[in-house]
PDB file of N, CA and C in Angstrom:
ATOM      1  N   MET A   1      50.211  58.438  29.001  1.00  0.00           N
ATOM      2  CA  MET A   1      49.712  57.094  28.860  1.00  0.00           C
ATOM      3  C   MET A   1      50.269  56.235  29.987  1.00  0.00           C
ATOM      4  N   ALA A   2      49.460  55.325  30.503  1.00  0.00           N
ATOM      5  CA  ALA A   2      49.879  54.468  31.606  1.00  0.00           C
ATOM      6  C   ALA A   2      50.890  53.431  31.126  1.00  0.00           C
ATOM      7  N   ALA A   3      51.668  52.920  32.059  1.00  0.00           N
ATOM      8  CA  ALA A   3      52.654  51.898  31.714  1.00  0.00           C
ATOM      9  C   ALA A   3      51.924  50.633  31.282  1.00  0.00           C
ATOM     10  N   PRO A   4      52.445  49.914  30.283  1.00  0.00           N
ATOM     11  CA  PRO A   4      51.766  48.708  29.823  1.00  0.00           C
ATOM     12  C   PRO A   4      51.760  47.634  30.898  1.00  0.00           C
ATOM     13  N   VAL A   5      50.607  46.972  31.066  1.00  0.00           N
ATOM     14  CA  VAL A   5      50.464  45.904  32.047  1.00  0.00           C
ATOM     15  C   VAL A   5      50.831  44.586  31.376  1.00  0.00           C
ATOM     16  N   ALA A   6      51.462  43.683  32.136  1.00  0.00           N
ATOM     17  CA  ALA A   6      51.870  42.398  31.571  1.00  0.00           C
ATOM     18  C   ALA A   6      50.645  41.614  31.125  1.00  0.00           C
ATOM     19  N   LYS A   7      50.738  40.976  29.973  1.00  0.00           N
ATOM     20  CA  LYS A   7      49.647  40.175  29.441  1.00  0.00           C
ATOM     21  C   LYS A   7      49.554  38.866  30.223  1.00  0.00           C
ATOM     22  N   SER A   8      48.330  38.348  30.337  1.00  0.00           N
ATOM     23  CA  SER A   8      48.118  37.142  31.121  1.00  0.00           C
ATOM     24  C   SER A   8      48.144  35.871  30.286  1.00  0.00           C
ATOM     25  N   GLY A   9      47.968  36.002  28.969  1.00  0.00           N
ATOM     26  CA  GLY A   9      47.889  34.822  28.125  1.00  0.00           C
ATOM     27  C   GLY A   9      46.470  34.296  27.997  1.00  0.00           C
ATOM     28  N   ILE A  10      45.533  34.956  28.663  1.00  0.00           N
ATOM     29  CA  ILE A  10      44.123  34.574  28.601  1.00  0.00           C
ATOM     30  C   ILE A  10      43.413  35.540  27.660  1.00  0.00           C
ATOM     31  N   ALA A  11      42.455  35.028  26.892  1.00  0.00           N
ATOM     32  CA  ALA A  11      41.803  35.834  25.858  1.00  0.00           C
ATOM     33  C   ALA A  11      40.915  36.931  26.435  1.00  0.00           C
ATOM     34  N   ASN A  12      40.354  36.744  27.617  1.00  0.00           N
ATOM     35  CA  ASN A  12      39.439  37.729  28.205  1.00  0.00           C
ATOM     36  C   ASN A  12      40.045  38.337  29.452  1.00  0.00           C
ATOM     37  N   GLY A  13      39.477  39.459  29.874  1.00  0.00           N
ATOM     38  CA  GLY A  13      39.881  40.056  31.135  1.00  0.00           C
ATOM     39  C   GLY A  13      40.698  41.313  30.948  1.00  0.00           C
ATOM     40  N   VAL A  14      41.148  41.874  32.065  1.00  0.00           N
ATOM     41  CA  VAL A  14      41.860  43.139  32.062  1.00  0.00           C
ATOM     42  C   VAL A  14      43.188  43.028  31.328  1.00  0.00           C
ATOM     43  N   ASN A  15      43.939  41.973  31.584  1.00  0.00           N
ATOM     44  CA  ASN A  15      45.259  41.799  30.963  1.00  0.00           C
ATOM     45  C   ASN A  15      45.190  40.825  29.799  1.00  0.00           C
ATOM     46  N   ALA A  16      44.116  40.876  29.022  1.00  0.00           N
ATOM     47  CA  ALA A  16      43.917  39.913  27.938  1.00  0.00           C
ATOM     48  C   ALA A  16      45.004  40.043  26.886  1.00  0.00           C
ATOM     49  N   GLY A  17      45.381  38.926  26.306  1.00  0.00           N
ATOM     50  CA  GLY A  17      46.317  38.965  25.189  1.00  0.00           C
ATOM     51  C   GLY A  17      47.440  37.968  25.320  1.00  0.00           C
ATOM     52  N   ARG A  18      48.053  37.695  24.192  1.00  0.00           N
ATOM     53  CA  ARG A  18      49.154  36.747  24.140  1.00  0.00           C
ATOM     54  C   ARG A  18      50.383  37.342  24.828  1.00  0.00           C
ATOM     55  N   VAL A  19      51.102  36.512  25.559  1.00  0.00           N
ATOM     56  CA  VAL A  19      52.319  36.951  26.232  1.00  0.00           C
ATOM     57  C   VAL A  19      53.424  37.062  25.186  1.00  0.00           C
ATOM     58  N   THR A  20      53.994  38.245  25.053  1.00  0.00           N
ATOM     59  CA  THR A  20      55.057  38.468  24.081  1.00  0.00           C
ATOM     60  C   THR A  20      56.219  39.194  24.745  1.00  0.00           C
ATOM     61  N   ALA A  21      57.395  39.056  24.159  1.00  0.00           N
ATOM     62  CA  ALA A  21      58.569  39.765  24.666  1.00  0.00           C
ATOM     63  C   ALA A  21      58.633  41.132  23.984  1.00  0.00           C
ATOM     64  N   LEU A  22      58.918  42.190  24.733  1.00  0.00           N
ATOM     65  CA  LEU A  22      59.058  43.517  24.161  1.00  0.00           C
ATOM     66  C   LEU A  22      60.366  43.600  23.394  1.00  0.00           C
ATOM     67  N   ARG A  23      60.293  44.124  22.179  1.00  0.00           N
ATOM     68  CA  ARG A  23      61.493  44.257  21.365  1.00  0.00           C
ATOM     69  C   ARG A  23      62.193  45.571  21.684  1.00  0.00           C
ATOM     70  N   GLU A  24      63.506  45.551  21.647  1.00  0.00           N
ATOM     71  CA  GLU A  24      64.294  46.772  21.821  1.00  0.00           C
ATOM     72  C   GLU A  24      64.412  47.438  20.459  1.00  0.00           C
ATOM     73  N   LEU A  25      63.786  48.588  20.290  1.00  0.00           N
ATOM     74  CA  LEU A  25      63.793  49.263  19.003  1.00  0.00           C
ATOM     75  C   LEU A  25      64.928  50.277  18.939  1.00  0.00           C
ATOM     76  N   LYS A  26      65.597  50.334  17.773  1.00  0.00           N
ATOM     77  CA  LYS A  26      66.662  51.315  17.626  1.00  0.00           C
ATOM     78  C   LYS A  26      66.034  52.694  17.376  1.00  0.00           C
ATOM     79  N   PRO A  27      66.707  53.751  17.775  1.00  0.00           N
ATOM     80  CA  PRO A  27      66.124  55.089  17.570  1.00  0.00           C
ATOM     81  C   PRO A  27      65.963  55.389  16.088  1.00  0.00           C
ATOM     82  N   ARG A  28      64.857  56.038  15.745  1.00  0.00           N
ATOM     83  CA  ARG A  28      64.578  56.365  14.352  1.00  0.00           C
ATOM     84  C   ARG A  28      65.228  57.688  13.990  1.00  0.00           C
ATOM     85  N   ALA A  29      65.555  57.835  12.721  1.00  0.00           N
ATOM     86  CA  ALA A  29      66.197  59.049  12.241  1.00  0.00           C
ATOM     87  C   ALA A  29      65.285  60.255  12.425  1.00  0.00           C
ATOM     88  N   ALA A  30      63.968  60.042  12.342  1.00  0.00           N
ATOM     89  CA  ALA A  30      63.008  61.137  12.458  1.00  0.00           C
ATOM     90  C   ALA A  30      63.057  61.782  13.842  1.00  0.00           C
ATOM     91  N   ASN A  31      63.506  61.030  14.855  1.00  0.00           N
ATOM     92  CA  ASN A  31      63.559  61.574  16.209  1.00  0.00           C
ATOM     93  C   ASN A  31      64.640  62.642  16.362  1.00  0.00           C
ATOM     94  N   SER A  32      65.670  62.585  15.527  1.00  0.00           N
ATOM     95  CA  SER A  32      66.760  63.552  15.638  1.00  0.00           C
ATOM     96  C   SER A  32      66.686  64.635  14.567  1.00  0.00           C
ATOM     97  N   LYS A  33      65.599  64.634  13.785  1.00  0.00           N
ATOM     98  CA  LYS A  33      65.469  65.586  12.684  1.00  0.00           C
ATOM     99  C   LYS A  33      65.375  67.011  13.232  1.00  0.00           C
ATOM    100  N   GLY A  34      66.190  67.899  12.692  1.00  0.00           N
ATOM    101  CA  GLY A  34      66.148  69.294  13.097  1.00  0.00           C
ATOM    102  C   GLY A  34      66.905  69.613  14.368  1.00  0.00           C
ATOM    103  N   ASN A  35      67.650  68.658  14.906  1.00  0.00           N
ATOM    104  CA  ASN A  35      68.378  68.893  16.158  1.00  0.00           C
ATOM    105  C   ASN A  35      69.843  69.238  15.931  1.00  0.00           C
ATOM    106  N   ASN A  36      70.198  69.625  14.703  1.00  0.00           N
ATOM    107  CA  ASN A  36      71.584  69.951  14.407  1.00  0.00           C
ATOM    108  C   ASN A  36      71.811  71.437  14.681  1.00  0.00           C
ATOM    109  N   HIS A  37      72.221  71.763  15.908  1.00  0.00           N
ATOM    110  CA  HIS A  37      72.420  73.151  16.308  1.00  0.00           C
ATOM    111  C   HIS A  37      73.910  73.473  16.418  1.00  0.00           C
ATOM    112  N   SER A  38      74.672  73.064  15.390  1.00  0.00           N
ATOM    113  CA  SER A  38      76.090  73.378  15.405  1.00  0.00           C
ATOM    114  C   SER A  38      76.275  74.879  15.201  1.00  0.00           C
ATOM    115  N   LYS A  39      77.457  75.370  15.542  1.00  0.00           N
ATOM    116  CA  LYS A  39      77.737  76.804  15.424  1.00  0.00           C
ATOM    117  C   LYS A  39      77.520  77.282  13.989  1.00  0.00           C
ATOM    118  N   HIS A  40      77.981  76.465  13.048  1.00  0.00           N
ATOM    119  CA  HIS A  40      77.873  76.817  11.633  1.00  0.00           C
ATOM    120  C   HIS A  40      76.409  76.890  11.187  1.00  0.00           C
ATOM    121  N   ASN A  41      75.611  75.890  11.593  1.00  0.00           N
ATOM    122  CA  ASN A  41      74.202  75.873  11.197  1.00  0.00           C
ATOM    123  C   ASN A  41      73.445  77.062  11.767  1.00  0.00           C
ATOM    124  N   VAL A  42      73.714  77.394  13.017  1.00  0.00           N
ATOM    125  CA  VAL A  42      73.053  78.546  13.639  1.00  0.00           C
ATOM    126  C   VAL A  42      73.419  79.817  12.879  1.00  0.00           C
ATOM    127  N   PHE A  43      74.694  79.942  12.522  1.00  0.00           N
ATOM    128  CA  PHE A  43      75.149  81.115  11.767  1.00  0.00           C
ATOM    129  C   PHE A  43      74.442  81.216  10.424  1.00  0.00           C
ATOM    130  N   VAL A  44      74.377  80.085   9.704  1.00  0.00           N
ATOM    131  CA  VAL A  44      73.749  80.077   8.380  1.00  0.00           C
ATOM    132  C   VAL A  44      72.268  80.420   8.482  1.00  0.00           C
ATOM    133  N   ARG A  45      71.564  79.847   9.460  1.00  0.00           N
ATOM    134  CA  ARG A  45      70.135  80.142   9.619  1.00  0.00           C
ATOM    135  C   ARG A  45      69.899  81.603   9.941  1.00  0.00           C
ATOM    136  N   ASP A  46      70.750  82.178  10.810  1.00  0.00           N
ATOM    137  CA  ASP A  46      70.616  83.598  11.143  1.00  0.00           C
ATOM    138  C   ASP A  46      70.865  84.468   9.913  1.00  0.00           C
ATOM    139  N   LEU A  47      71.864  84.110   9.123  1.00  0.00           N
ATOM    140  CA  LEU A  47      72.180  84.858   7.908  1.00  0.00           C
ATOM    141  C   LEU A  47      71.027  84.806   6.915  1.00  0.00           C
ATOM    142  N   ILE A  48      70.469  83.631   6.726  1.00  0.00           N
ATOM    143  CA  ILE A  48      69.336  83.478   5.803  1.00  0.00           C
ATOM    144  C   ILE A  48      68.149  84.300   6.291  1.00  0.00           C
ATOM    145  N   ARG A  49      67.872  84.258   7.584  1.00  0.00           N
ATOM    146  CA  ARG A  49      66.752  85.018   8.149  1.00  0.00           C
ATOM    147  C   ARG A  49      66.963  86.516   7.930  1.00  0.00           C
ATOM    148  N   GLU A  50      68.218  86.957   8.073  1.00  0.00           N
ATOM    149  CA  GLU A  50      68.547  88.371   7.890  1.00  0.00           C
ATOM    150  C   GLU A  50      68.357  88.809   6.435  1.00  0.00           C
ATOM    151  N   VAL A  51      68.752  87.957   5.500  1.00  0.00           N
ATOM    152  CA  VAL A  51      68.675  88.300   4.077  1.00  0.00           C
ATOM    153  C   VAL A  51      67.237  88.180   3.563  1.00  0.00           C
ATOM    154  N   VAL A  52      66.576  87.082   3.876  1.00  0.00           N
ATOM    155  CA  VAL A  52      65.264  86.779   3.313  1.00  0.00           C
ATOM    156  C   VAL A  52      64.140  87.474   4.068  1.00  0.00           C
ATOM    157  N   GLY A  53      64.280  87.599   5.374  1.00  0.00           N
ATOM    158  CA  GLY A  53      63.224  88.211   6.175  1.00  0.00           C
ATOM    159  C   GLY A  53      62.179  87.188   6.576  1.00  0.00           C
ATOM    160  N   PHE A  54      60.964  87.669   6.837  1.00  0.00           N
ATOM    161  CA  PHE A  54      59.893  86.811   7.328  1.00  0.00           C
ATOM    162  C   PHE A  54      58.865  86.557   6.237  1.00  0.00           C
ATOM    163  N   ALA A  55      58.228  85.398   6.310  1.00  0.00           N
ATOM    164  CA  ALA A  55      57.144  85.058   5.397  1.00  0.00           C
ATOM    165  C   ALA A  55      55.931  85.924   5.741  1.00  0.00           C
ATOM    166  N   PRO A  56      55.035  86.131   4.783  1.00  0.00           N
ATOM    167  CA  PRO A  56      53.855  86.963   5.059  1.00  0.00           C
ATOM    168  C   PRO A  56      53.034  86.496   6.258  1.00  0.00           C
ATOM    169  N   TYR A  57      52.865  85.171   6.417  1.00  0.00           N
ATOM    170  CA  TYR A  57      52.091  84.703   7.570  1.00  0.00           C
ATOM    171  C   TYR A  57      52.829  84.973   8.880  1.00  0.00           C
ATOM    172  N   GLU A  58      54.169  84.937   8.837  1.00  0.00           N
ATOM    173  CA  GLU A  58      54.947  85.244  10.048  1.00  0.00           C
ATOM    174  C   GLU A  58      54.798  86.718  10.413  1.00  0.00           C
ATOM    175  N   ARG A  59      54.805  87.593   9.404  1.00  0.00           N
ATOM    176  CA  ARG A  59      54.610  89.021   9.676  1.00  0.00           C
ATOM    177  C   ARG A  59      53.226  89.271  10.274  1.00  0.00           C
ATOM    178  N   ARG A  60      52.236  88.551   9.764  1.00  0.00           N
ATOM    179  CA  ARG A  60      50.875  88.717  10.287  1.00  0.00           C
ATOM    180  C   ARG A  60      50.786  88.224  11.732  1.00  0.00           C
ATOM    181  N   ILE A  61      51.440  87.109  12.028  1.00  0.00           N
ATOM    182  CA  ILE A  61      51.460  86.592  13.405  1.00  0.00           C
ATOM    183  C   ILE A  61      52.141  87.598  14.328  1.00  0.00           C
ATOM    184  N   MET A  62      53.252  88.194  13.851  1.00  0.00           N
ATOM    185  CA  MET A  62      53.954  89.180  14.679  1.00  0.00           C
ATOM    186  C   MET A  62      53.060  90.389  14.949  1.00  0.00           C
ATOM    187  N   GLU A  63      52.291  90.795  13.955  1.00  0.00           N
ATOM    188  CA  GLU A  63      51.365  91.918  14.131  1.00  0.00           C
ATOM    189  C   GLU A  63      50.299  91.572  15.176  1.00  0.00           C
ATOM    190  N   LEU A  64      49.785  90.347  15.111  1.00  0.00           N
ATOM    191  CA  LEU A  64      48.786  89.908  16.100  1.00  0.00           C
ATOM    192  C   LEU A  64      49.391  89.865  17.501  1.00  0.00           C
ATOM    193  N   LEU A  65      50.643  89.421  17.606  1.00  0.00           N
ATOM    194  CA  LEU A  65      51.297  89.368  18.917  1.00  0.00           C
ATOM    195  C   LEU A  65      51.516  90.768  19.482  1.00  0.00           C
ATOM    196  N   LYS A  66      51.845  91.734  18.601  1.00  0.00           N
ATOM    197  CA  LYS A  66      52.021  93.117  19.057  1.00  0.00           C
ATOM    198  C   LYS A  66      50.730  93.657  19.640  1.00  0.00           C
ATOM    199  N   ASN A  67      49.591  93.253  19.048  1.00  0.00           N
ATOM    200  CA  ASN A  67      48.286  93.724  19.513  1.00  0.00           C
ATOM    201  C   ASN A  67      47.691  92.807  20.573  1.00  0.00           C
ATOM    202  N   SER A  68      48.516  91.948  21.155  1.00  0.00           N
ATOM    203  CA  SER A  68      48.146  90.997  22.206  1.00  0.00           C
ATOM    204  C   SER A  68      46.923  90.160  21.825  1.00  0.00           C
ATOM    205  N   ARG A  69      46.922  89.650  20.598  1.00  0.00           N
ATOM    206  CA  ARG A  69      45.887  88.723  20.140  1.00  0.00           C
ATOM    207  C   ARG A  69      46.532  87.338  20.041  1.00  0.00           C
ATOM    208  N   ASP A  70      46.996  86.818  21.182  1.00  0.00           N
ATOM    209  CA  ASP A  70      47.780  85.579  21.208  1.00  0.00           C
ATOM    210  C   ASP A  70      46.995  84.380  20.682  1.00  0.00           C
ATOM    211  N   LYS A  71      45.728  84.283  21.094  1.00  0.00           N
ATOM    212  CA  LYS A  71      44.943  83.123  20.683  1.00  0.00           C
ATOM    213  C   LYS A  71      44.738  83.123  19.170  1.00  0.00           C
ATOM    214  N   ARG A  72      44.442  84.283  18.610  1.00  0.00           N
ATOM    215  CA  ARG A  72      44.257  84.394  17.158  1.00  0.00           C
ATOM    216  C   ARG A  72      45.557  84.048  16.439  1.00  0.00           C
ATOM    217  N   ALA A  73      46.706  84.462  17.014  1.00  0.00           N
ATOM    218  CA  ALA A  73      48.010  84.159  16.420  1.00  0.00           C
ATOM    219  C   ALA A  73      48.249  82.655  16.409  1.00  0.00           C
ATOM    220  N   ARG A  74      47.889  81.983  17.517  1.00  0.00           N
ATOM    221  CA  ARG A  74      48.049  80.530  17.586  1.00  0.00           C
ATOM    222  C   ARG A  74      47.183  79.835  16.541  1.00  0.00           C
ATOM    223  N   LYS A  75      45.955  80.316  16.387  1.00  0.00           N
ATOM    224  CA  LYS A  75      45.035  79.706  15.423  1.00  0.00           C
ATOM    225  C   LYS A  75      45.546  79.894  13.987  1.00  0.00           C
ATOM    226  N   LEU A  76      46.055  81.076  13.689  1.00  0.00           N
ATOM    227  CA  LEU A  76      46.606  81.329  12.362  1.00  0.00           C
ATOM    228  C   LEU A  76      47.817  80.433  12.115  1.00  0.00           C
ATOM    229  N   GLY A  77      48.683  80.336  13.121  1.00  0.00           N
ATOM    230  CA  GLY A  77      49.860  79.474  12.999  1.00  0.00           C
ATOM    231  C   GLY A  77      49.475  78.023  12.789  1.00  0.00           C
ATOM    232  N   LYS A  78      48.455  77.578  13.498  1.00  0.00           N
ATOM    233  CA  LYS A  78      47.997  76.194  13.365  1.00  0.00           C
ATOM    234  C   LYS A  78      47.480  75.941  11.952  1.00  0.00           C
ATOM    235  N   LYS A  79      46.759  76.904  11.413  1.00  0.00           N
ATOM    236  CA  LYS A  79      46.218  76.752  10.059  1.00  0.00           C
ATOM    237  C   LYS A  79      47.359  76.688   9.035  1.00  0.00           C
ATOM    238  N   ARG A  80      48.383  77.514   9.217  1.00  0.00           N
ATOM    239  CA  ARG A  80      49.471  77.574   8.251  1.00  0.00           C
ATOM    240  C   ARG A  80      50.484  76.437   8.407  1.00  0.00           C
ATOM    241  N   LEU A  81      50.727  76.019   9.665  1.00  0.00           N
ATOM    242  CA  LEU A  81      51.791  75.044   9.918  1.00  0.00           C
ATOM    243  C   LEU A  81      51.297  73.618  10.129  1.00  0.00           C
ATOM    244  N   GLY A  82      50.009  73.447  10.377  1.00  0.00           N
ATOM    245  CA  GLY A  82      49.467  72.094  10.446  1.00  0.00           C
ATOM    246  C   GLY A  82      49.167  71.571  11.825  1.00  0.00           C
ATOM    247  N   THR A  83      50.008  71.877  12.828  1.00  0.00           N
ATOM    248  CA  THR A  83      49.750  71.373  14.171  1.00  0.00           C
ATOM    249  C   THR A  83      49.918  72.496  15.181  1.00  0.00           C
ATOM    250  N   LEU A  84      49.260  72.331  16.318  1.00  0.00           N
ATOM    251  CA  LEU A  84      49.334  73.346  17.364  1.00  0.00           C
ATOM    252  C   LEU A  84      50.737  73.398  17.976  1.00  0.00           C
ATOM    253  N   ARG A  85      51.396  72.251  18.043  1.00  0.00           N
ATOM    254  CA  ARG A  85      52.756  72.210  18.600  1.00  0.00           C
ATOM    255  C   ARG A  85      53.710  73.045  17.744  1.00  0.00           C
ATOM    256  N   ARG A  86      53.630  72.888  16.418  1.00  0.00           N
ATOM    257  CA  ARG A  86      54.469  73.685  15.519  1.00  0.00           C
ATOM    258  C   ARG A  86      54.129  75.159  15.639  1.00  0.00           C
ATOM    259  N   SER A  87      52.837  75.440  15.771  1.00  0.00           N
ATOM    260  CA  SER A  87      52.379  76.817  15.889  1.00  0.00           C
ATOM    261  C   SER A  87      52.947  77.474  17.150  1.00  0.00           C
ATOM    262  N   LYS A  88      52.883  76.754  18.261  1.00  0.00           N
ATOM    263  CA  LYS A  88      53.396  77.301  19.523  1.00  0.00           C
ATOM    264  C   LYS A  88      54.893  77.566  19.433  1.00  0.00           C
ATOM    265  N   LYS A  89      55.614  76.649  18.789  1.00  0.00           N
ATOM    266  CA  LYS A  89      57.061  76.812  18.636  1.00  0.00           C
ATOM    267  C   LYS A  89      57.371  78.047  17.788  1.00  0.00           C
ATOM    268  N   LYS A  90      56.627  78.212  16.697  1.00  0.00           N
ATOM    269  CA  LYS A  90      56.817  79.366  15.808  1.00  0.00           C
ATOM    270  C   LYS A  90      56.489  80.661  16.532  1.00  0.00           C
ATOM    271  N   ILE A  91      55.394  80.680  17.310  1.00  0.00           N
ATOM    272  CA  ILE A  91      54.988  81.886  18.035  1.00  0.00           C
ATOM    273  C   ILE A  91      56.025  82.243  19.095  1.00  0.00           C
ATOM    274  N   ASP A  92      56.599  81.218  19.739  1.00  0.00           N
ATOM    275  CA  ASP A  92      57.656  81.456  20.713  1.00  0.00           C
ATOM    276  C   ASP A  92      58.868  82.095  20.032  1.00  0.00           C
ATOM    277  N   GLU A  93      59.228  81.582  18.863  1.00  0.00           N
ATOM    278  CA  GLU A  93      60.357  82.114  18.091  1.00  0.00           C
ATOM    279  C   GLU A  93      60.094  83.578  17.694  1.00  0.00           C
ATOM    280  N   LEU A  94      58.881  83.854  17.195  1.00  0.00           N
ATOM    281  CA  LEU A  94      58.553  85.210  16.756  1.00  0.00           C
ATOM    282  C   LEU A  94      58.436  86.169  17.937  1.00  0.00           C
ATOM    283  N   SER A  95      57.984  85.665  19.088  1.00  0.00           N
ATOM    284  CA  SER A  95      57.918  86.498  20.298  1.00  0.00           C
ATOM    285  C   SER A  95      59.320  86.918  20.727  1.00  0.00           C
ATOM    286  N   ASN A  96      60.265  85.980  20.607  1.00  0.00           N
ATOM    287  CA  ASN A  96      61.656  86.297  20.945  1.00  0.00           C
ATOM    288  C   ASN A  96      62.219  87.352  19.998  1.00  0.00           C
ATOM    289  N   VAL A  97      61.841  87.275  18.718  1.00  0.00           N
ATOM    290  CA  VAL A  97      62.291  88.270  17.737  1.00  0.00           C
ATOM    291  C   VAL A  97      61.738  89.650  18.110  1.00  0.00           C
ATOM    292  N   LEU A  98      60.450  89.695  18.468  1.00  0.00           N
ATOM    293  CA  LEU A  98      59.833  90.972  18.861  1.00  0.00           C
ATOM    294  C   LEU A  98      60.487  91.537  20.123  1.00  0.00           C
ATOM    295  N   ALA A  99      60.765  90.666  21.081  1.00  0.00           N
ATOM    296  CA  ALA A  99      61.399  91.100  22.329  1.00  0.00           C
ATOM    297  C   ALA A  99      62.796  91.658  22.060  1.00  0.00           C
ATOM    298  N   ALA A 100      63.547  91.006  21.162  1.00  0.00           N
ATOM    299  CA  ALA A 100      64.894  91.470  20.802  1.00  0.00           C
ATOM    300  C   ALA A 100      64.814  92.825  20.105  1.00  0.00           C
ATOM    301  N   ALA A 101      63.793  93.010  19.274  1.00  0.00           N
ATOM    302  CA  ALA A 101      63.623  94.291  18.569  1.00  0.00           C
ATOM    303  C   ALA A 101      63.292  95.402  19.557  1.00  0.00           C
ATOM    304  N   ARG A 102      62.510  95.078  20.588  1.00  0.00           N
ATOM    305  CA  ARG A 102      62.161  96.085  21.604  1.00  0.00           C
ATOM    306  C   ARG A 102      63.375  96.495  22.431  1.00  0.00           C
ATOM    307  N   ARG A 103      64.269  95.533  22.668  1.00  0.00           N
ATOM    308  CA  ARG A 103      65.458  95.828  23.477  1.00  0.00           C
ATOM    309  C   ARG A 103      66.431  96.754  22.776  1.00  0.00           C
ATOM    310  N   GLN A 104      66.450  96.731  21.443  1.00  0.00           N
ATOM    311  CA  GLN A 104      67.418  97.558  20.707  1.00  0.00           C
ATOM    312  C   GLN A 104      66.956  98.972  20.545  1.00  0.00           C
TER     313      GLN A 104
END
């Protein structure tokens, strides 16, 4: 998105609108959600993943990735997770798991 242009105070034209001062907003809690990557949290998440394993949709995505059906995997992830950004992040995570399994 382009940088906001200063308002002119005139009702019509390119820079139409009332002249206002930009407020300094404090950071929202939602912006830092999920960014707690302390040593303990990483350990706990790895332990849970080891004990519980993968969800059925994650196993299906991994199967699609093994068969190089990346686009289909993204579409399935998007349907299950809600957004393409979440889907891409999940597919990246599962690709790393597959790569680690191949290395061992």
